[in-house]
Each structure stands twice: as C-alpha cells, then as structure tokens.
All heavy atoms as atom14 arrays in JSON, in Angstrom:
{
  "sequence": "LFYAVGHWNSFLTAMIYLPSAELQPLQLFLMKMLIQDADASML",
  "atom14_mask": [
    [1, 1, 1, 1, 1, 1, 1, 1, 0, 0, 0, 0, 0, 0],
    [1, 1, 1, 1, 1, 1, 1, 1, 1, 1, 1, 0, 0, 0],
    [1, 1, 1, 1, 1, 1, 1, 1, 1, 1, 1, 1, 0, 0],
    [1, 1, 1, 1, 1, 0, 0, 0, 0, 0, 0, 0, 0, 0],
    [1, 1, 1, 1, 1, 1, 1, 0, 0, 0, 0, 0, 0, 0],
    [1, 1, 1, 1, 0, 0, 0, 0, 0, 0, 0, 0, 0, 0],
    [1, 1, 1, 1, 1, 1, 1, 1, 1, 1, 0, 0, 0, 0],
    [1, 1, 1, 1, 1, 1, 1, 1, 1, 1, 1, 1, 1, 1],
    [1, 1, 1, 1, 1, 1, 1, 1, 0, 0, 0, 0, 0, 0],
    [1, 1, 1, 1, 1, 1, 0, 0, 0, 0, 0, 0, 0, 0],
    [1, 1, 1, 1, 1, 1, 1, 1, 1, 1, 1, 0, 0, 0],
    [1, 1, 1, 1, 1, 1, 1, 1, 0, 0, 0, 0, 0, 0],
    [1, 1, 1, 1, 1, 1, 1, 0, 0, 0, 0, 0, 0, 0],
    [1, 1, 1, 1, 1, 0, 0, 0, 0, 0, 0, 0, 0, 0],
    [1, 1, 1, 1, 1, 1, 1, 1, 0, 0, 0, 0, 0, 0],
    [1, 1, 1, 1, 1, 1, 1, 1, 0, 0, 0, 0, 0, 0],
    [1, 1, 1, 1, 1, 1, 1, 1, 1, 1, 1, 1, 0, 0],
    [1, 1, 1, 1, 1, 1, 1, 1, 0, 0, 0, 0, 0, 0],
    [1, 1, 1, 1, 1, 1, 1, 0, 0, 0, 0, 0, 0, 0],
    [1, 1, 1, 1, 1, 1, 0, 0, 0, 0, 0, 0, 0, 0],
    [1, 1, 1, 1, 1, 0, 0, 0, 0, 0, 0, 0, 0, 0],
    [1, 1, 1, 1, 1, 1, 1, 1, 1, 0, 0, 0, 0, 0],
    [1, 1, 1, 1, 1, 1, 1, 1, 0, 0, 0, 0, 0, 0],
    [1, 1, 1, 1, 1, 1, 1, 1, 1, 0, 0, 0, 0, 0],
    [1, 1, 1, 1, 1, 1, 1, 0, 0, 0, 0, 0, 0, 0],
    [1, 1, 1, 1, 1, 1, 1, 1, 0, 0, 0, 0, 0, 0],
    [1, 1, 1, 1, 1, 1, 1, 1, 1, 0, 0, 0, 0, 0],
    [1, 1, 1, 1, 1, 1, 1, 1, 0, 0, 0, 0, 0, 0],
    [1, 1, 1, 1, 1, 1, 1, 1, 1, 1, 1, 0, 0, 0],
    [1, 1, 1, 1, 1, 1, 1, 1, 0, 0, 0, 0, 0, 0],
    [1, 1, 1, 1, 1, 1, 1, 1, 0, 0, 0, 0, 0, 0],
    [1, 1, 1, 1, 1, 1, 1, 1, 1, 0, 0, 0, 0, 0],
    [1, 1, 1, 1, 1, 1, 1, 1, 0, 0, 0, 0, 0, 0],
    [1, 1, 1, 1, 1, 1, 1, 1, 0, 0, 0, 0, 0, 0],
    [1, 1, 1, 1, 1, 1, 1, 1, 0, 0, 0, 0, 0, 0],
    [1, 1, 1, 1, 1, 1, 1, 1, 1, 0, 0, 0, 0, 0],
    [1, 1, 1, 1, 1, 1, 1, 1, 0, 0, 0, 0, 0, 0],
    [1, 1, 1, 1, 1, 0, 0, 0, 0, 0, 0, 0, 0, 0],
    [1, 1, 1, 1, 1, 1, 1, 1, 0, 0, 0, 0, 0, 0],
    [1, 1, 1, 1, 1, 0, 0, 0, 0, 0, 0, 0, 0, 0],
    [1, 1, 1, 1, 1, 1, 0, 0, 0, 0, 0, 0, 0, 0],
    [1, 1, 1, 1, 1, 1, 1, 1, 0, 0, 0, 0, 0, 0],
    [1, 1, 1, 1, 1, 1, 1, 1, 0, 0, 0, 0, 0, 0]
  ],
  "atom14_positions": [
    [[33.32, -93.26, 18.36], [32.52, -93.74, 17.24], [31.16, -93.05, 17.21], [30.72, -92.58, 16.16], [32.36, -95.25, 17.33], [31.62, -95.9, 16.16], [32.36, -95.65, 14.85], [31.45, -97.4, 16.39], [0.0, 0.0, 0.0], [0.0, 0.0, 0.0], [0.0, 0.0, 0.0], [0.0, 0.0, 0.0], [0.0, 0.0, 0.0], [0.0, 0.0, 0.0]],
    [[30.5, -92.98, 18.34], [29.19, -92.31, 18.4], [29.28, -90.85, 17.95], [28.53, -90.39, 17.12], [28.63, -92.36, 19.82], [27.75, -93.56, 20.06], [28.12, -94.53, 21.01], [26.56, -93.73, 19.39], [27.3, -95.62, 21.26], [25.75, -94.84, 19.62], [26.12, -95.78, 20.57], [0.0, 0.0, 0.0], [0.0, 0.0, 0.0], [0.0, 0.0, 0.0]],
    [[30.25, -90.14, 18.52], [30.4, -88.73, 18.21], [30.85, -88.51, 16.75], [30.35, -87.6, 16.07], [31.4, -88.07, 19.15], [30.84, -87.77, 20.53], [31.48, -88.24, 21.68], [29.72, -86.97, 20.69], [30.98, -87.96, 22.94], [29.2, -86.69, 21.96], [29.85, -87.17, 23.07], [29.34, -86.89, 24.32], [0.0, 0.0, 0.0], [0.0, 0.0, 0.0]],
    [[31.81, -89.32, 16.29], [32.3, -89.14, 14.94], [31.21, -89.4, 13.9], [31.08, -88.64, 12.92], [33.5, -90.09, 14.68], [0.0, 0.0, 0.0], [0.0, 0.0, 0.0], [0.0, 0.0, 0.0], [0.0, 0.0, 0.0], [0.0, 0.0, 0.0], [0.0, 0.0, 0.0], [0.0, 0.0, 0.0], [0.0, 0.0, 0.0], [0.0, 0.0, 0.0]],
    [[30.43, -90.45, 14.09], [29.34, -90.71, 13.17], [28.3, -89.58, 13.19], [27.81, -89.14, 12.13], [28.63, -92.06, 13.5], [27.36, -92.24, 12.7], [29.59, -93.21, 13.24], [0.0, 0.0, 0.0], [0.0, 0.0, 0.0], [0.0, 0.0, 0.0], [0.0, 0.0, 0.0], [0.0, 0.0, 0.0], [0.0, 0.0, 0.0], [0.0, 0.0, 0.0]],
    [[28.04, -89.05, 14.38], [27.12, -87.93, 14.47], [27.61, -86.7, 13.72], [26.85, -86.05, 13.0], [0.0, 0.0, 0.0], [0.0, 0.0, 0.0], [0.0, 0.0, 0.0], [0.0, 0.0, 0.0], [0.0, 0.0, 0.0], [0.0, 0.0, 0.0], [0.0, 0.0, 0.0], [0.0, 0.0, 0.0], [0.0, 0.0, 0.0], [0.0, 0.0, 0.0]],
    [[28.9, -86.38, 13.9], [29.45, -85.22, 13.19], [29.51, -85.46, 11.68], [29.21, -84.54, 10.91], [30.86, -84.95, 13.71], [30.93, -84.24, 15.03], [30.5, -82.94, 15.19], [31.33, -84.66, 16.24], [30.66, -82.58, 16.46], [31.14, -83.61, 17.13], [0.0, 0.0, 0.0], [0.0, 0.0, 0.0], [0.0, 0.0, 0.0], [0.0, 0.0, 0.0]],
    [[29.89, -86.66, 11.28], [29.99, -86.93, 9.84], [28.64, -86.83, 9.14], [28.56, -86.37, 8.02], [30.61, -88.31, 9.62], [30.96, -88.54, 8.19], [30.2, -89.08, 7.21], [32.21, -88.21, 7.56], [30.86, -89.14, 6.01], [32.09, -88.59, 6.19], [33.4, -87.64, 8.01], [33.15, -88.4, 5.31], [34.43, -87.46, 7.11], [34.31, -87.84, 5.77]],
    [[27.59, -87.26, 9.82], [26.26, -87.27, 9.2], [25.46, -86.0, 9.44], [24.35, -85.85, 8.96], [25.45, -88.46, 9.71], [26.01, -89.79, 9.25], [26.59, -89.86, 8.16], [25.85, -90.82, 10.04], [0.0, 0.0, 0.0], [0.0, 0.0, 0.0], [0.0, 0.0, 0.0], [0.0, 0.0, 0.0], [0.0, 0.0, 0.0], [0.0, 0.0, 0.0]],
    [[26.01, -85.07, 10.22], [25.27, -83.85, 10.57], [25.07, -82.92, 9.39], [26.03, -82.62, 8.69], [26.01, -83.13, 11.71], [25.34, -81.93, 12.03], [0.0, 0.0, 0.0], [0.0, 0.0, 0.0], [0.0, 0.0, 0.0], [0.0, 0.0, 0.0], [0.0, 0.0, 0.0], [0.0, 0.0, 0.0], [0.0, 0.0, 0.0], [0.0, 0.0, 0.0]],
    [[23.85, -82.49, 9.19], [23.58, -81.46, 8.16], [22.56, -80.42, 8.65], [22.55, -79.3, 8.18], [23.05, -82.12, 6.88], [21.64, -82.64, 6.99], [20.55, -81.84, 6.65], [21.38, -83.93, 7.44], [19.26, -82.32, 6.76], [20.09, -84.4, 7.55], [19.03, -83.58, 7.22], [0.0, 0.0, 0.0], [0.0, 0.0, 0.0], [0.0, 0.0, 0.0]],
    [[21.69, -80.81, 9.62], [20.67, -79.88, 10.08], [21.26, -78.65, 10.74], [20.82, -77.51, 10.48], [19.71, -80.6, 11.03], [18.5, -79.77, 11.53], [17.64, -79.32, 10.34], [17.68, -80.55, 12.53], [0.0, 0.0, 0.0], [0.0, 0.0, 0.0], [0.0, 0.0, 0.0], [0.0, 0.0, 0.0], [0.0, 0.0, 0.0], [0.0, 0.0, 0.0]],
    [[22.26, -78.86, 11.59], [22.9, -77.7, 12.26], [23.48, -76.77, 11.24], [23.37, -75.54, 11.33], [23.99, -78.19, 13.24], [23.4, -79.06, 14.2], [24.66, -77.03, 13.93], [0.0, 0.0, 0.0], [0.0, 0.0, 0.0], [0.0, 0.0, 0.0], [0.0, 0.0, 0.0], [0.0, 0.0, 0.0], [0.0, 0.0, 0.0], [0.0, 0.0, 0.0]],
    [[24.19, -77.33, 10.24], [24.8, -76.49, 9.19], [23.74, -75.78, 8.37], [23.9, -74.62, 7.98], [25.69, -77.34, 8.31], [0.0, 0.0, 0.0], [0.0, 0.0, 0.0], [0.0, 0.0, 0.0], [0.0, 0.0, 0.0], [0.0, 0.0, 0.0], [0.0, 0.0, 0.0], [0.0, 0.0, 0.0], [0.0, 0.0, 0.0], [0.0, 0.0, 0.0]],
    [[22.65, -76.46, 8.09], [21.57, -75.88, 7.28], [20.95, -74.68, 8.0], [20.55, -73.7, 7.34], [20.51, -76.93, 6.99], [19.41, -76.46, 6.05], [18.32, -77.82, 5.54], [17.58, -78.26, 7.12], [0.0, 0.0, 0.0], [0.0, 0.0, 0.0], [0.0, 0.0, 0.0], [0.0, 0.0, 0.0], [0.0, 0.0, 0.0], [0.0, 0.0, 0.0]],
    [[20.87, -74.73, 9.31], [20.25, -73.64, 10.07], [21.21, -72.51, 10.37], [20.88, -71.33, 10.25], [19.66, -74.19, 11.38], [18.58, -75.24, 11.12], [19.13, -73.07, 12.27], [18.09, -75.94, 12.36], [0.0, 0.0, 0.0], [0.0, 0.0, 0.0], [0.0, 0.0, 0.0], [0.0, 0.0, 0.0], [0.0, 0.0, 0.0], [0.0, 0.0, 0.0]],
    [[22.46, -72.85, 10.73], [23.38, -71.85, 11.27], [24.52, -71.5, 10.36], [25.3, -70.58, 10.71], [23.95, -72.36, 12.61], [22.93, -72.67, 13.65], [22.78, -73.94, 14.18], [22.06, -71.68, 14.13], [21.84, -74.24, 15.12], [21.11, -71.96, 15.09], [20.99, -73.25, 15.6], [20.06, -73.52, 16.56], [0.0, 0.0, 0.0], [0.0, 0.0, 0.0]],
    [[24.72, -72.16, 9.22], [25.85, -71.88, 8.34], [25.36, -71.49, 6.93], [25.33, -72.34, 6.04], [26.79, -73.08, 8.27], [27.61, -73.41, 9.5], [28.51, -74.64, 9.23], [28.48, -72.22, 9.93], [0.0, 0.0, 0.0], [0.0, 0.0, 0.0], [0.0, 0.0, 0.0], [0.0, 0.0, 0.0], [0.0, 0.0, 0.0], [0.0, 0.0, 0.0]],
    [[24.99, -70.24, 6.72], [24.57, -69.85, 5.37], [25.7, -69.75, 4.36], [25.46, -69.85, 3.16], [23.92, -68.46, 5.61], [24.6, -67.94, 6.84], [24.85, -69.16, 7.69], [0.0, 0.0, 0.0], [0.0, 0.0, 0.0], [0.0, 0.0, 0.0], [0.0, 0.0, 0.0], [0.0, 0.0, 0.0], [0.0, 0.0, 0.0], [0.0, 0.0, 0.0]],
    [[26.94, -69.57, 4.83], [28.09, -69.45, 3.93], [28.46, -70.82, 3.36], [28.75, -71.75, 4.13], [29.29, -68.84, 4.66], [28.96, -67.56, 5.14], [0.0, 0.0, 0.0], [0.0, 0.0, 0.0], [0.0, 0.0, 0.0], [0.0, 0.0, 0.0], [0.0, 0.0, 0.0], [0.0, 0.0, 0.0], [0.0, 0.0, 0.0], [0.0, 0.0, 0.0]],
    [[28.51, -70.93, 2.03], [28.77, -72.21, 1.37], [30.17, -72.73, 1.69], [30.37, -73.95, 1.77], [28.61, -72.07, -0.13], [0.0, 0.0, 0.0], [0.0, 0.0, 0.0], [0.0, 0.0, 0.0], [0.0, 0.0, 0.0], [0.0, 0.0, 0.0], [0.0, 0.0, 0.0], [0.0, 0.0, 0.0], [0.0, 0.0, 0.0], [0.0, 0.0, 0.0]],
    [[31.12, -71.82, 1.91], [32.51, -72.24, 2.17], [32.68, -72.87, 3.54], [33.72, -73.44, 3.85], [33.47, -71.1, 1.99], [33.3, -69.96, 2.99], [32.31, -68.91, 2.51], [31.58, -69.18, 1.54], [32.28, -67.81, 3.12], [0.0, 0.0, 0.0], [0.0, 0.0, 0.0], [0.0, 0.0, 0.0], [0.0, 0.0, 0.0], [0.0, 0.0, 0.0]],
    [[31.66, -72.78, 4.4], [31.73, -73.34, 5.75], [30.88, -74.62, 5.87], [30.96, -75.3, 6.9], [31.27, -72.36, 6.8], [32.01, -71.01, 6.89], [31.39, -70.15, 7.97], [33.5, -71.25, 7.17], [0.0, 0.0, 0.0], [0.0, 0.0, 0.0], [0.0, 0.0, 0.0], [0.0, 0.0, 0.0], [0.0, 0.0, 0.0], [0.0, 0.0, 0.0]],
    [[30.11, -74.94, 4.87], [29.15, -76.04, 4.96], [29.82, -77.4, 4.78], [30.74, -77.54, 4.01], [28.04, -75.84, 3.94], [27.17, -74.63, 4.22], [26.17, -74.34, 3.11], [26.17, -74.98, 2.06], [25.3, -73.35, 3.36], [0.0, 0.0, 0.0], [0.0, 0.0, 0.0], [0.0, 0.0, 0.0], [0.0, 0.0, 0.0], [0.0, 0.0, 0.0]],
    [[29.34, -78.42, 5.5], [29.92, -79.76, 5.42], [29.43, -80.56, 4.22], [28.52, -80.12, 3.5], [29.45, -80.41, 6.71], [28.14, -79.78, 6.98], [28.26, -78.35, 6.52], [0.0, 0.0, 0.0], [0.0, 0.0, 0.0], [0.0, 0.0, 0.0], [0.0, 0.0, 0.0], [0.0, 0.0, 0.0], [0.0, 0.0, 0.0], [0.0, 0.0, 0.0]],
    [[30.01, -81.71, 4.04], [29.72, -82.55, 2.89], [28.28, -83.02, 2.89], [27.66, -83.12, 1.8], [30.66, -83.77, 2.88], [30.58, -84.72, 1.71], [30.97, -84.02, 0.4], [31.43, -85.95, 1.94], [0.0, 0.0, 0.0], [0.0, 0.0, 0.0], [0.0, 0.0, 0.0], [0.0, 0.0, 0.0], [0.0, 0.0, 0.0], [0.0, 0.0, 0.0]],
    [[27.7, -83.35, 4.03], [26.34, -83.89, 4.07], [25.33, -82.85, 3.6], [24.31, -83.22, 2.97], [25.99, -84.37, 5.48], [26.9, -85.49, 5.99], [26.8, -86.73, 5.13], [25.81, -86.97, 4.45], [27.86, -87.53, 5.13], [0.0, 0.0, 0.0], [0.0, 0.0, 0.0], [0.0, 0.0, 0.0], [0.0, 0.0, 0.0], [0.0, 0.0, 0.0]],
    [[25.56, -81.58, 3.87], [24.66, -80.53, 3.36], [24.8, -80.39, 1.88], [23.83, -80.16, 1.15], [24.96, -79.2, 4.08], [23.99, -78.06, 3.78], [22.55, -78.45, 4.09], [24.38, -76.81, 4.57], [0.0, 0.0, 0.0], [0.0, 0.0, 0.0], [0.0, 0.0, 0.0], [0.0, 0.0, 0.0], [0.0, 0.0, 0.0], [0.0, 0.0, 0.0]],
    [[26.04, -80.49, 1.4], [26.3, -80.48, -0.05], [25.56, -81.65, -0.72], [24.93, -81.48, -1.78], [27.79, -80.57, -0.3], [28.22, -80.38, -1.73], [28.56, -79.13, -2.2], [28.28, -81.45, -2.6], [28.95, -78.93, -3.51], [28.66, -81.27, -3.93], [29.0, -80.01, -4.37], [0.0, 0.0, 0.0], [0.0, 0.0, 0.0], [0.0, 0.0, 0.0]],
    [[25.61, -82.84, -0.1], [24.94, -84.0, -0.63], [23.43, -83.83, -0.61], [22.74, -84.18, -1.58], [25.32, -85.23, 0.2], [24.57, -86.54, -0.08], [24.79, -87.0, -1.51], [25.0, -87.63, 0.87], [0.0, 0.0, 0.0], [0.0, 0.0, 0.0], [0.0, 0.0, 0.0], [0.0, 0.0, 0.0], [0.0, 0.0, 0.0], [0.0, 0.0, 0.0]],
    [[22.9, -83.26, 0.48], [21.45, -83.07, 0.55], [20.96, -82.16, -0.56], [19.92, -82.39, -1.17], [21.11, -82.46, 1.92], [19.61, -82.34, 2.19], [19.2, -81.09, 3.42], [19.52, -79.6, 2.5], [0.0, 0.0, 0.0], [0.0, 0.0, 0.0], [0.0, 0.0, 0.0], [0.0, 0.0, 0.0], [0.0, 0.0, 0.0], [0.0, 0.0, 0.0]],
    [[21.69, -81.08, -0.83], [21.31, -80.16, -1.91], [21.3, -80.86, -3.24], [20.45, -80.61, -4.1], [22.26, -78.95, -1.92], [22.12, -78.05, -0.71], [23.1, -76.89, -0.82], [22.96, -75.94, 0.37], [23.94, -74.82, 0.31], [0.0, 0.0, 0.0], [0.0, 0.0, 0.0], [0.0, 0.0, 0.0], [0.0, 0.0, 0.0], [0.0, 0.0, 0.0]],
    [[22.29, -81.75, -3.43], [22.37, -82.47, -4.71], [21.22, -83.44, -4.87], [20.68, -83.6, -5.97], [23.7, -83.21, -4.82], [24.9, -82.31, -5.05], [26.38, -83.3, -5.4], [25.88, -84.08, -6.92], [0.0, 0.0, 0.0], [0.0, 0.0, 0.0], [0.0, 0.0, 0.0], [0.0, 0.0, 0.0], [0.0, 0.0, 0.0], [0.0, 0.0, 0.0]],
    [[20.82, -84.11, -3.78], [19.75, -85.1, -3.9], [18.38, -84.46, -4.04], [17.53, -85.0, -4.76], [19.78, -86.0, -2.65], [21.02, -86.87, -2.46], [20.91, -87.68, -1.18], [21.25, -87.79, -3.66], [0.0, 0.0, 0.0], [0.0, 0.0, 0.0], [0.0, 0.0, 0.0], [0.0, 0.0, 0.0], [0.0, 0.0, 0.0], [0.0, 0.0, 0.0]],
    [[18.18, -83.35, -3.38], [16.87, -82.69, -3.45], [16.76, -81.82, -4.69], [15.74, -81.8, -5.38], [16.64, -81.84, -2.18], [16.54, -82.76, -0.95], [15.35, -81.01, -2.32], [16.37, -82.0, 0.34], [0.0, 0.0, 0.0], [0.0, 0.0, 0.0], [0.0, 0.0, 0.0], [0.0, 0.0, 0.0], [0.0, 0.0, 0.0], [0.0, 0.0, 0.0]],
    [[17.85, -81.14, -5.03], [17.87, -80.31, -6.21], [18.57, -81.06, -7.33], [18.84, -82.25, -7.25], [18.57, -78.97, -5.9], [17.98, -78.27, -4.69], [18.88, -77.17, -4.17], [19.91, -76.85, -4.77], [18.46, -76.55, -3.08], [0.0, 0.0, 0.0], [0.0, 0.0, 0.0], [0.0, 0.0, 0.0], [0.0, 0.0, 0.0], [0.0, 0.0, 0.0]],
    [[18.89, -80.36, -8.4], [19.68, -80.95, -9.49], [21.15, -81.0, -9.07], [21.58, -80.34, -8.13], [19.55, -80.14, -10.77], [18.14, -80.27, -11.36], [17.51, -81.32, -11.12], [17.67, -79.31, -11.99], [0.0, 0.0, 0.0], [0.0, 0.0, 0.0], [0.0, 0.0, 0.0], [0.0, 0.0, 0.0], [0.0, 0.0, 0.0], [0.0, 0.0, 0.0]],
    [[21.93, -81.78, -9.79], [23.35, -81.85, -9.52], [23.98, -80.49, -9.66], [23.49, -79.63, -10.42], [24.02, -82.85, -10.46], [0.0, 0.0, 0.0], [0.0, 0.0, 0.0], [0.0, 0.0, 0.0], [0.0, 0.0, 0.0], [0.0, 0.0, 0.0], [0.0, 0.0, 0.0], [0.0, 0.0, 0.0], [0.0, 0.0, 0.0], [0.0, 0.0, 0.0]],
    [[25.08, -80.27, -8.98], [25.76, -78.99, -9.0], [26.05, -78.59, -10.46], [26.68, -79.35, -11.21], [27.05, -79.07, -8.21], [27.7, -77.72, -8.0], [27.14, -76.73, -8.51], [28.73, -77.66, -7.32], [0.0, 0.0, 0.0], [0.0, 0.0, 0.0], [0.0, 0.0, 0.0], [0.0, 0.0, 0.0], [0.0, 0.0, 0.0], [0.0, 0.0, 0.0]],
    [[25.57, -77.41, -10.84], [25.74, -77.0, -12.25], [27.19, -76.89, -12.66], [27.52, -77.09, -13.82], [25.05, -75.64, -12.44], [0.0, 0.0, 0.0], [0.0, 0.0, 0.0], [0.0, 0.0, 0.0], [0.0, 0.0, 0.0], [0.0, 0.0, 0.0], [0.0, 0.0, 0.0], [0.0, 0.0, 0.0], [0.0, 0.0, 0.0], [0.0, 0.0, 0.0]],
    [[28.09, -76.62, -11.68], [29.51, -76.49, -12.03], [30.1, -77.81, -12.48], [31.13, -77.83, -13.16], [30.29, -75.94, -10.84], [30.19, -76.82, -9.73], [0.0, 0.0, 0.0], [0.0, 0.0, 0.0], [0.0, 0.0, 0.0], [0.0, 0.0, 0.0], [0.0, 0.0, 0.0], [0.0, 0.0, 0.0], [0.0, 0.0, 0.0], [0.0, 0.0, 0.0]],
    [[29.46, -78.94, -12.12], [29.97, -80.24, -12.57], [29.56, -80.53, -14.02], [30.16, -81.39, -14.66], [29.43, -81.36, -11.68], [29.83, -81.29, -10.23], [29.21, -82.7, -9.31], [29.68, -82.25, -7.64], [0.0, 0.0, 0.0], [0.0, 0.0, 0.0], [0.0, 0.0, 0.0], [0.0, 0.0, 0.0], [0.0, 0.0, 0.0], [0.0, 0.0, 0.0]],
    [[28.57, -79.82, -14.52], [28.02, -80.13, -15.86], [28.15, -78.96, -16.82], [27.59, -79.0, -17.92], [26.53, -80.51, -15.72], [26.21, -81.6, -14.71], [24.7, -81.73, -14.56], [26.84, -82.92, -15.11], [0.0, 0.0, 0.0], [0.0, 0.0, 0.0], [0.0, 0.0, 0.0], [0.0, 0.0, 0.0], [0.0, 0.0, 0.0], [0.0, 0.0, 0.0]]
  ]
}
C-alpha cells in the first residue's frame, strides 16, 4: 500500500527524468492540466 500509493502519486521523478510525453505517468499529465490550460486535443 505504501509503495503503490507512492508510485501512483509520483510526478516529480517523471518531470525531471522523463522528457518524452509517451513515457510520462498520469499524475504529470494531471499536473500540466491543472497548471496550464486543458489539453488542446480535447477541445
């Protein structure tokens, strides 16, 4: 449970070490949406 929650919520590691969008996790995708505008492809 501890490890799974940590992995599911992790975005900082991906933000620093994963520049490729196809490798990035959901939490980084969510962070970009909350800080920036919603993904333009949805609209």
